[in-house]
Amino acid sequence: MVTHTTERHPQLWHDNAAGIAAAVQTLALLADATRLRLLYLLTDGERGVSDLERITGLPQPTVSHHLGLLRRARLVQARREGRQVFYRLTHPAAVPGVLSVPTDGGAITLTLGAMTEAGGDRRAPEHRADAA
């Protein structure tokens, strides 16, 4: 028989309702393939919008929209350099492909290592072994 966590620990829900609500909002934001893909690409470090646009094949307004949502959720940070905007994870993990999102009650950790780009290598061309 599976016992629900709140049955074993009835105060868990009541004592941490705000943390659970925040985690639900974060998980809802992460339940989008484009946003997960962008976060995954940022696990290697900072990237410009044009770089993310080129790698994903998505138009600039779409990339910027999703990055804006991630920025408002404080999952990424933006840095402007001239006309270019660069994004990086707010809480980078020590291991590429792992995303750790702090919440009020702990952290949500996602291992995104199984995701790859169409060509098999998600890294920018200058970091690939097959780059010419």
N, C-alpha and C. Protein backbone atom coordinates (compact mmCIF):
# COMPACT_ATOMS: atom_id res chain seq x y z
N MET A 1 0.83 -1.17 0.00
CA MET A 1 0.00 0.00 0.00
C MET A 1 0.88 1.24 0.00
N VAL A 2 0.52 2.20 -0.83
CA VAL A 2 1.26 3.45 -0.90
C VAL A 2 0.62 4.44 0.05
N THR A 3 1.42 5.02 0.89
CA THR A 3 0.92 6.01 1.85
C THR A 3 1.33 7.39 1.38
N HIS A 4 0.38 8.26 1.24
CA HIS A 4 0.65 9.62 0.81
C HIS A 4 1.43 10.34 1.89
N THR A 5 2.34 11.20 1.50
CA THR A 5 3.22 11.90 2.44
C THR A 5 2.42 12.65 3.50
N THR A 6 1.33 13.30 3.10
CA THR A 6 0.58 14.09 4.07
C THR A 6 -0.13 13.21 5.08
N GLU A 7 -0.36 11.93 4.75
CA GLU A 7 -0.96 11.02 5.73
C GLU A 7 0.07 10.65 6.80
N ARG A 8 1.31 10.47 6.41
CA ARG A 8 2.36 10.14 7.37
C ARG A 8 2.79 11.37 8.16
N HIS A 9 2.75 12.52 7.52
CA HIS A 9 3.18 13.78 8.13
C HIS A 9 2.10 14.83 7.89
N PRO A 10 1.00 14.78 8.64
CA PRO A 10 -0.12 15.67 8.37
C PRO A 10 0.23 17.15 8.44
N GLN A 11 1.24 17.54 9.21
CA GLN A 11 1.59 18.96 9.32
C GLN A 11 2.44 19.44 8.14
N LEU A 12 2.96 18.52 7.34
CA LEU A 12 3.83 18.91 6.23
C LEU A 12 3.14 19.91 5.31
N TRP A 13 1.93 19.61 4.92
CA TRP A 13 1.23 20.50 3.99
C TRP A 13 0.94 21.84 4.65
N HIS A 14 0.47 21.83 5.88
CA HIS A 14 0.09 23.07 6.55
C HIS A 14 1.29 23.92 6.92
N ASP A 15 2.37 23.31 7.35
CA ASP A 15 3.55 24.06 7.76
C ASP A 15 4.33 24.63 6.59
N ASN A 16 4.18 24.06 5.42
CA ASN A 16 4.99 24.47 4.27
C ASN A 16 4.11 24.77 3.05
N ALA A 17 2.91 25.25 3.27
CA ALA A 17 2.00 25.50 2.16
C ALA A 17 2.58 26.52 1.17
N ALA A 18 3.23 27.56 1.66
CA ALA A 18 3.81 28.57 0.77
C ALA A 18 4.93 27.97 -0.07
N GLY A 19 5.77 27.15 0.55
CA GLY A 19 6.86 26.50 -0.20
C GLY A 19 6.34 25.54 -1.25
N ILE A 20 5.29 24.83 -0.91
CA ILE A 20 4.70 23.89 -1.87
C ILE A 20 4.06 24.66 -3.01
N ALA A 21 3.37 25.76 -2.72
CA ALA A 21 2.77 26.57 -3.77
C ALA A 21 3.83 27.14 -4.71
N ALA A 22 4.96 27.58 -4.15
CA ALA A 22 6.05 28.11 -4.98
C ALA A 22 6.64 27.01 -5.86
N ALA A 23 6.78 25.81 -5.30
CA ALA A 23 7.31 24.69 -6.10
C ALA A 23 6.35 24.33 -7.23
N VAL A 24 5.05 24.38 -6.97
CA VAL A 24 4.06 24.09 -8.01
C VAL A 24 4.17 25.11 -9.14
N GLN A 25 4.31 26.38 -8.80
CA GLN A 25 4.46 27.42 -9.83
C GLN A 25 5.73 27.20 -10.64
N THR A 26 6.81 26.85 -9.99
CA THR A 26 8.08 26.60 -10.69
C THR A 26 7.95 25.40 -11.61
N LEU A 27 7.35 24.33 -11.11
CA LEU A 27 7.18 23.13 -11.94
C LEU A 27 6.27 23.41 -13.13
N ALA A 28 5.24 24.23 -12.95
CA ALA A 28 4.37 24.59 -14.07
C ALA A 28 5.16 25.36 -15.13
N LEU A 29 6.04 26.25 -14.68
CA LEU A 29 6.88 27.00 -15.62
C LEU A 29 7.82 26.07 -16.37
N LEU A 30 8.34 25.06 -15.67
CA LEU A 30 9.29 24.12 -16.29
C LEU A 30 8.60 23.08 -17.17
N ALA A 31 7.28 23.02 -17.13
CA ALA A 31 6.54 22.03 -17.92
C ALA A 31 6.35 22.51 -19.35
N ASP A 32 7.41 22.99 -19.94
CA ASP A 32 7.40 23.48 -21.31
C ASP A 32 8.72 23.08 -21.97
N ALA A 33 8.63 22.41 -23.09
CA ALA A 33 9.82 21.87 -23.75
C ALA A 33 10.80 22.97 -24.16
N THR A 34 10.30 24.10 -24.64
CA THR A 34 11.19 25.18 -25.06
C THR A 34 11.96 25.74 -23.88
N ARG A 35 11.26 25.98 -22.77
CA ARG A 35 11.95 26.53 -21.59
C ARG A 35 12.96 25.54 -21.02
N LEU A 36 12.60 24.27 -20.98
CA LEU A 36 13.56 23.27 -20.50
C LEU A 36 14.78 23.21 -21.41
N ARG A 37 14.55 23.29 -22.71
CA ARG A 37 15.66 23.24 -23.66
C ARG A 37 16.59 24.44 -23.46
N LEU A 38 16.02 25.62 -23.28
CA LEU A 38 16.84 26.81 -23.05
C LEU A 38 17.63 26.68 -21.75
N LEU A 39 16.99 26.22 -20.70
CA LEU A 39 17.70 26.02 -19.43
C LEU A 39 18.82 25.01 -19.59
N TYR A 40 18.53 23.95 -20.32
CA TYR A 40 19.55 22.92 -20.55
C TYR A 40 20.76 23.51 -21.27
N LEU A 41 20.50 24.32 -22.29
CA LEU A 41 21.61 24.93 -23.02
C LEU A 41 22.43 25.87 -22.13
N LEU A 42 21.78 26.48 -21.15
CA LEU A 42 22.47 27.39 -20.25
C LEU A 42 23.24 26.67 -19.14
N THR A 43 23.07 25.35 -19.01
CA THR A 43 23.85 24.63 -18.00
C THR A 43 25.33 24.63 -18.34
N ASP A 44 25.67 24.89 -19.60
CA ASP A 44 27.09 24.98 -20.00
C ASP A 44 27.68 26.35 -19.73
N GLY A 45 26.84 27.32 -19.41
CA GLY A 45 27.32 28.67 -19.16
C GLY A 45 26.51 29.70 -19.92
N GLU A 46 26.96 30.93 -19.82
CA GLU A 46 26.27 32.06 -20.43
C GLU A 46 26.20 31.94 -21.94
N ARG A 47 25.06 32.33 -22.51
CA ARG A 47 24.87 32.36 -23.97
C ARG A 47 24.06 33.58 -24.36
N GLY A 48 24.35 34.10 -25.56
CA GLY A 48 23.60 35.21 -26.09
C GLY A 48 22.30 34.74 -26.72
N VAL A 49 21.35 35.65 -26.83
CA VAL A 49 20.06 35.31 -27.43
C VAL A 49 20.25 34.82 -28.86
N SER A 50 21.13 35.47 -29.63
CA SER A 50 21.34 35.05 -31.02
C SER A 50 21.92 33.64 -31.09
N ASP A 51 22.78 33.28 -30.13
CA ASP A 51 23.33 31.93 -30.07
C ASP A 51 22.22 30.92 -29.78
N LEU A 52 21.36 31.23 -28.80
CA LEU A 52 20.25 30.34 -28.47
C LEU A 52 19.26 30.22 -29.63
N GLU A 53 19.06 31.32 -30.33
CA GLU A 53 18.19 31.34 -31.51
C GLU A 53 18.74 30.40 -32.60
N ARG A 54 20.04 30.50 -32.84
CA ARG A 54 20.68 29.67 -33.86
C ARG A 54 20.65 28.19 -33.49
N ILE A 55 20.94 27.87 -32.24
CA ILE A 55 20.99 26.47 -31.81
C ILE A 55 19.60 25.84 -31.82
N THR A 56 18.60 26.58 -31.34
CA THR A 56 17.25 26.01 -31.24
C THR A 56 16.49 26.06 -32.55
N GLY A 57 16.87 26.99 -33.43
CA GLY A 57 16.12 27.15 -34.68
C GLY A 57 14.82 27.91 -34.48
N LEU A 58 14.64 28.50 -33.31
CA LEU A 58 13.43 29.25 -33.00
C LEU A 58 13.64 30.72 -33.34
N PRO A 59 12.56 31.43 -33.69
CA PRO A 59 12.70 32.86 -33.98
C PRO A 59 13.03 33.65 -32.72
N GLN A 60 13.69 34.79 -32.90
CA GLN A 60 14.14 35.62 -31.78
C GLN A 60 13.00 35.99 -30.83
N PRO A 61 11.81 36.40 -31.32
CA PRO A 61 10.74 36.74 -30.37
C PRO A 61 10.33 35.57 -29.47
N THR A 62 10.35 34.36 -29.99
CA THR A 62 9.99 33.19 -29.19
C THR A 62 11.03 32.93 -28.12
N VAL A 63 12.31 32.97 -28.51
CA VAL A 63 13.40 32.75 -27.56
C VAL A 63 13.34 33.83 -26.47
N SER A 64 13.18 35.08 -26.86
CA SER A 64 13.14 36.18 -25.90
C SER A 64 11.93 36.07 -24.96
N HIS A 65 10.80 35.65 -25.48
CA HIS A 65 9.60 35.48 -24.65
C HIS A 65 9.86 34.45 -23.55
N HIS A 66 10.37 33.29 -23.93
CA HIS A 66 10.61 32.23 -22.95
C HIS A 66 11.70 32.62 -21.95
N LEU A 67 12.75 33.29 -22.43
CA LEU A 67 13.80 33.75 -21.52
C LEU A 67 13.25 34.80 -20.55
N GLY A 68 12.33 35.64 -21.02
CA GLY A 68 11.70 36.63 -20.15
C GLY A 68 10.91 35.97 -19.03
N LEU A 69 10.18 34.91 -19.36
CA LEU A 69 9.44 34.17 -18.33
C LEU A 69 10.40 33.56 -17.31
N LEU A 70 11.49 32.99 -17.80
CA LEU A 70 12.49 32.38 -16.91
C LEU A 70 13.18 33.44 -16.05
N ARG A 71 13.39 34.63 -16.63
CA ARG A 71 14.03 35.72 -15.88
C ARG A 71 13.09 36.23 -14.79
N ARG A 72 11.81 36.40 -15.10
CA ARG A 72 10.85 36.85 -14.09
C ARG A 72 10.70 35.84 -12.95
N ALA A 73 10.92 34.57 -13.26
CA ALA A 73 10.87 33.53 -12.23
C ALA A 73 12.20 33.40 -11.50
N ARG A 74 13.16 34.24 -11.88
CA ARG A 74 14.50 34.26 -11.27
C ARG A 74 15.28 32.97 -11.50
N LEU A 75 15.00 32.30 -12.60
CA LEU A 75 15.76 31.10 -12.95
C LEU A 75 16.97 31.44 -13.79
N VAL A 76 16.91 32.56 -14.51
CA VAL A 76 18.04 33.02 -15.31
C VAL A 76 18.27 34.51 -15.03
N GLN A 77 19.48 34.97 -15.34
CA GLN A 77 19.83 36.38 -15.22
C GLN A 77 20.29 36.86 -16.58
N ALA A 78 20.02 38.13 -16.87
CA ALA A 78 20.39 38.72 -18.15
C ALA A 78 21.49 39.75 -17.95
N ARG A 79 22.33 39.86 -18.98
CA ARG A 79 23.40 40.86 -18.99
C ARG A 79 23.43 41.44 -20.39
N ARG A 80 23.36 42.76 -20.49
CA ARG A 80 23.37 43.42 -21.80
C ARG A 80 24.79 43.88 -22.12
N GLU A 81 25.17 43.62 -23.37
CA GLU A 81 26.46 44.08 -23.87
C GLU A 81 26.20 44.68 -25.25
N GLY A 82 26.12 46.00 -25.29
CA GLY A 82 25.73 46.65 -26.54
C GLY A 82 24.29 46.31 -26.86
N ARG A 83 24.08 45.77 -28.06
CA ARG A 83 22.72 45.39 -28.48
C ARG A 83 22.41 43.93 -28.17
N GLN A 84 23.41 43.20 -27.73
CA GLN A 84 23.25 41.77 -27.46
C GLN A 84 22.91 41.55 -25.99
N VAL A 85 22.02 40.57 -25.72
CA VAL A 85 21.68 40.21 -24.35
C VAL A 85 22.16 38.78 -24.11
N PHE A 86 22.86 38.60 -23.00
CA PHE A 86 23.39 37.29 -22.63
C PHE A 86 22.65 36.79 -21.40
N TYR A 87 22.37 35.49 -21.39
CA TYR A 87 21.66 34.87 -20.26
C TYR A 87 22.52 33.80 -19.63
N ARG A 88 22.33 33.64 -18.33
CA ARG A 88 23.00 32.57 -17.58
C ARG A 88 22.04 32.11 -16.49
N LEU A 89 22.28 30.91 -15.98
CA LEU A 89 21.46 30.39 -14.89
C LEU A 89 21.72 31.20 -13.63
N THR A 90 20.68 31.48 -12.89
CA THR A 90 20.82 32.19 -11.62
C THR A 90 21.55 31.32 -10.61
N HIS A 91 21.25 30.02 -10.62
CA HIS A 91 21.87 29.07 -9.69
C HIS A 91 22.52 27.94 -10.50
N PRO A 92 23.69 28.20 -11.09
CA PRO A 92 24.31 27.14 -11.90
C PRO A 92 24.72 25.95 -11.04
N ALA A 93 24.54 24.78 -11.63
CA ALA A 93 24.95 23.54 -10.95
C ALA A 93 26.42 23.30 -11.20
N ALA A 94 27.01 22.50 -10.37
CA ALA A 94 28.42 22.15 -10.53
C ALA A 94 28.61 21.21 -11.71
N VAL A 95 27.55 20.54 -12.13
CA VAL A 95 27.62 19.54 -13.20
C VAL A 95 26.78 20.01 -14.39
N PRO A 96 27.36 20.14 -15.59
CA PRO A 96 26.56 20.50 -16.76
C PRO A 96 25.42 19.49 -16.97
N GLY A 97 24.26 20.00 -17.38
CA GLY A 97 23.12 19.14 -17.62
C GLY A 97 22.25 18.93 -16.39
N VAL A 98 22.65 19.52 -15.26
CA VAL A 98 21.86 19.41 -14.03
C VAL A 98 21.37 20.81 -13.67
N LEU A 99 20.07 20.91 -13.41
CA LEU A 99 19.47 22.17 -13.05
C LEU A 99 18.92 22.05 -11.64
N SER A 100 19.35 22.94 -10.77
CA SER A 100 18.86 22.95 -9.39
C SER A 100 18.17 24.28 -9.15
N VAL A 101 16.89 24.21 -8.81
CA VAL A 101 16.09 25.41 -8.60
C VAL A 101 15.73 25.50 -7.12
N PRO A 102 16.28 26.50 -6.40
CA PRO A 102 15.95 26.64 -4.99
C PRO A 102 14.48 26.99 -4.81
N THR A 103 13.86 26.45 -3.78
CA THR A 103 12.49 26.79 -3.40
C THR A 103 12.50 27.13 -1.92
N ASP A 104 11.36 27.57 -1.41
CA ASP A 104 11.29 27.92 0.01
C ASP A 104 11.59 26.73 0.90
N GLY A 105 11.24 25.53 0.45
CA GLY A 105 11.42 24.35 1.29
C GLY A 105 12.56 23.46 0.88
N GLY A 106 13.47 23.90 0.04
CA GLY A 106 14.57 23.06 -0.41
C GLY A 106 14.95 23.40 -1.83
N ALA A 107 14.97 22.40 -2.70
CA ALA A 107 15.32 22.64 -4.10
C ALA A 107 14.68 21.58 -4.97
N ILE A 108 14.42 21.97 -6.22
CA ILE A 108 13.97 21.04 -7.25
C ILE A 108 15.19 20.79 -8.12
N THR A 109 15.59 19.56 -8.25
CA THR A 109 16.76 19.22 -9.06
C THR A 109 16.33 18.38 -10.25
N LEU A 110 16.70 18.84 -11.44
CA LEU A 110 16.40 18.13 -12.67
C LEU A 110 17.69 17.72 -13.34
N THR A 111 17.78 16.48 -13.77
CA THR A 111 18.92 16.04 -14.55
C THR A 111 18.49 16.04 -15.99
N LEU A 112 19.10 16.93 -16.77
CA LEU A 112 18.71 17.11 -18.16
C LEU A 112 19.74 16.50 -19.10
N GLY A 113 20.61 15.67 -18.60
CA GLY A 113 21.71 15.12 -19.38
C GLY A 113 21.31 14.28 -20.57
N ALA A 114 20.09 13.75 -20.59
CA ALA A 114 19.67 12.90 -21.69
C ALA A 114 19.22 13.71 -22.90
N MET A 115 19.05 15.02 -22.75
CA MET A 115 18.58 15.86 -23.85
C MET A 115 19.76 16.15 -24.79
N THR A 116 19.51 16.09 -26.09
CA THR A 116 20.55 16.46 -27.05
C THR A 116 19.92 17.26 -28.18
N GLU A 117 20.74 17.98 -28.88
CA GLU A 117 20.28 18.71 -30.06
C GLU A 117 20.15 17.74 -31.22
N ALA A 118 19.56 18.19 -32.31
CA ALA A 118 19.34 17.34 -33.48
C ALA A 118 20.63 16.69 -33.96
N GLY A 119 21.73 17.42 -33.89
CA GLY A 119 23.01 16.89 -34.33
C GLY A 119 23.70 16.02 -33.30
N GLY A 120 23.11 15.88 -32.13
CA GLY A 120 23.68 15.02 -31.11
C GLY A 120 24.55 15.75 -30.10
N ASP A 121 25.06 16.93 -30.45
CA ASP A 121 25.94 17.67 -29.55
C ASP A 121 25.32 19.03 -29.30
N ARG A 122 24.99 19.32 -28.04
CA ARG A 122 24.29 20.56 -27.72
C ARG A 122 25.23 21.74 -27.55
N ARG A 123 26.51 21.50 -27.56
CA ARG A 123 27.46 22.59 -27.34
C ARG A 123 27.55 23.49 -28.56
N ALA A 124 27.95 24.74 -28.31
CA ALA A 124 28.18 25.66 -29.40
C ALA A 124 29.29 25.13 -30.29
N PRO A 125 29.29 25.45 -31.59
CA PRO A 125 30.28 24.90 -32.52
C PRO A 125 31.73 25.08 -32.08
N GLU A 126 32.05 26.20 -31.43
CA GLU A 126 33.43 26.43 -31.03
C GLU A 126 33.89 25.47 -29.94
N HIS A 127 32.95 24.75 -29.30
CA HIS A 127 33.30 23.79 -28.25
C HIS A 127 33.20 22.35 -28.71
N ARG A 128 32.80 22.13 -29.96
CA ARG A 128 32.66 20.77 -30.46
C ARG A 128 33.97 20.25 -31.04
N ALA A 129 34.18 18.97 -30.88
CA ALA A 129 35.40 18.35 -31.42
C ALA A 129 35.38 18.34 -32.95
N ASP A 130 34.18 18.30 -33.56
CA ASP A 130 34.07 18.21 -35.01
C ASP A 130 34.02 19.59 -35.69
N ALA A 131 34.19 20.70 -34.91
CA ALA A 131 34.12 22.04 -35.47
C ALA A 131 35.31 22.25 -36.41
N ALA A 132 35.00 22.89 -37.52
CA ALA A 132 36.05 23.13 -38.51
C ALA A 132 36.75 24.46 -38.28
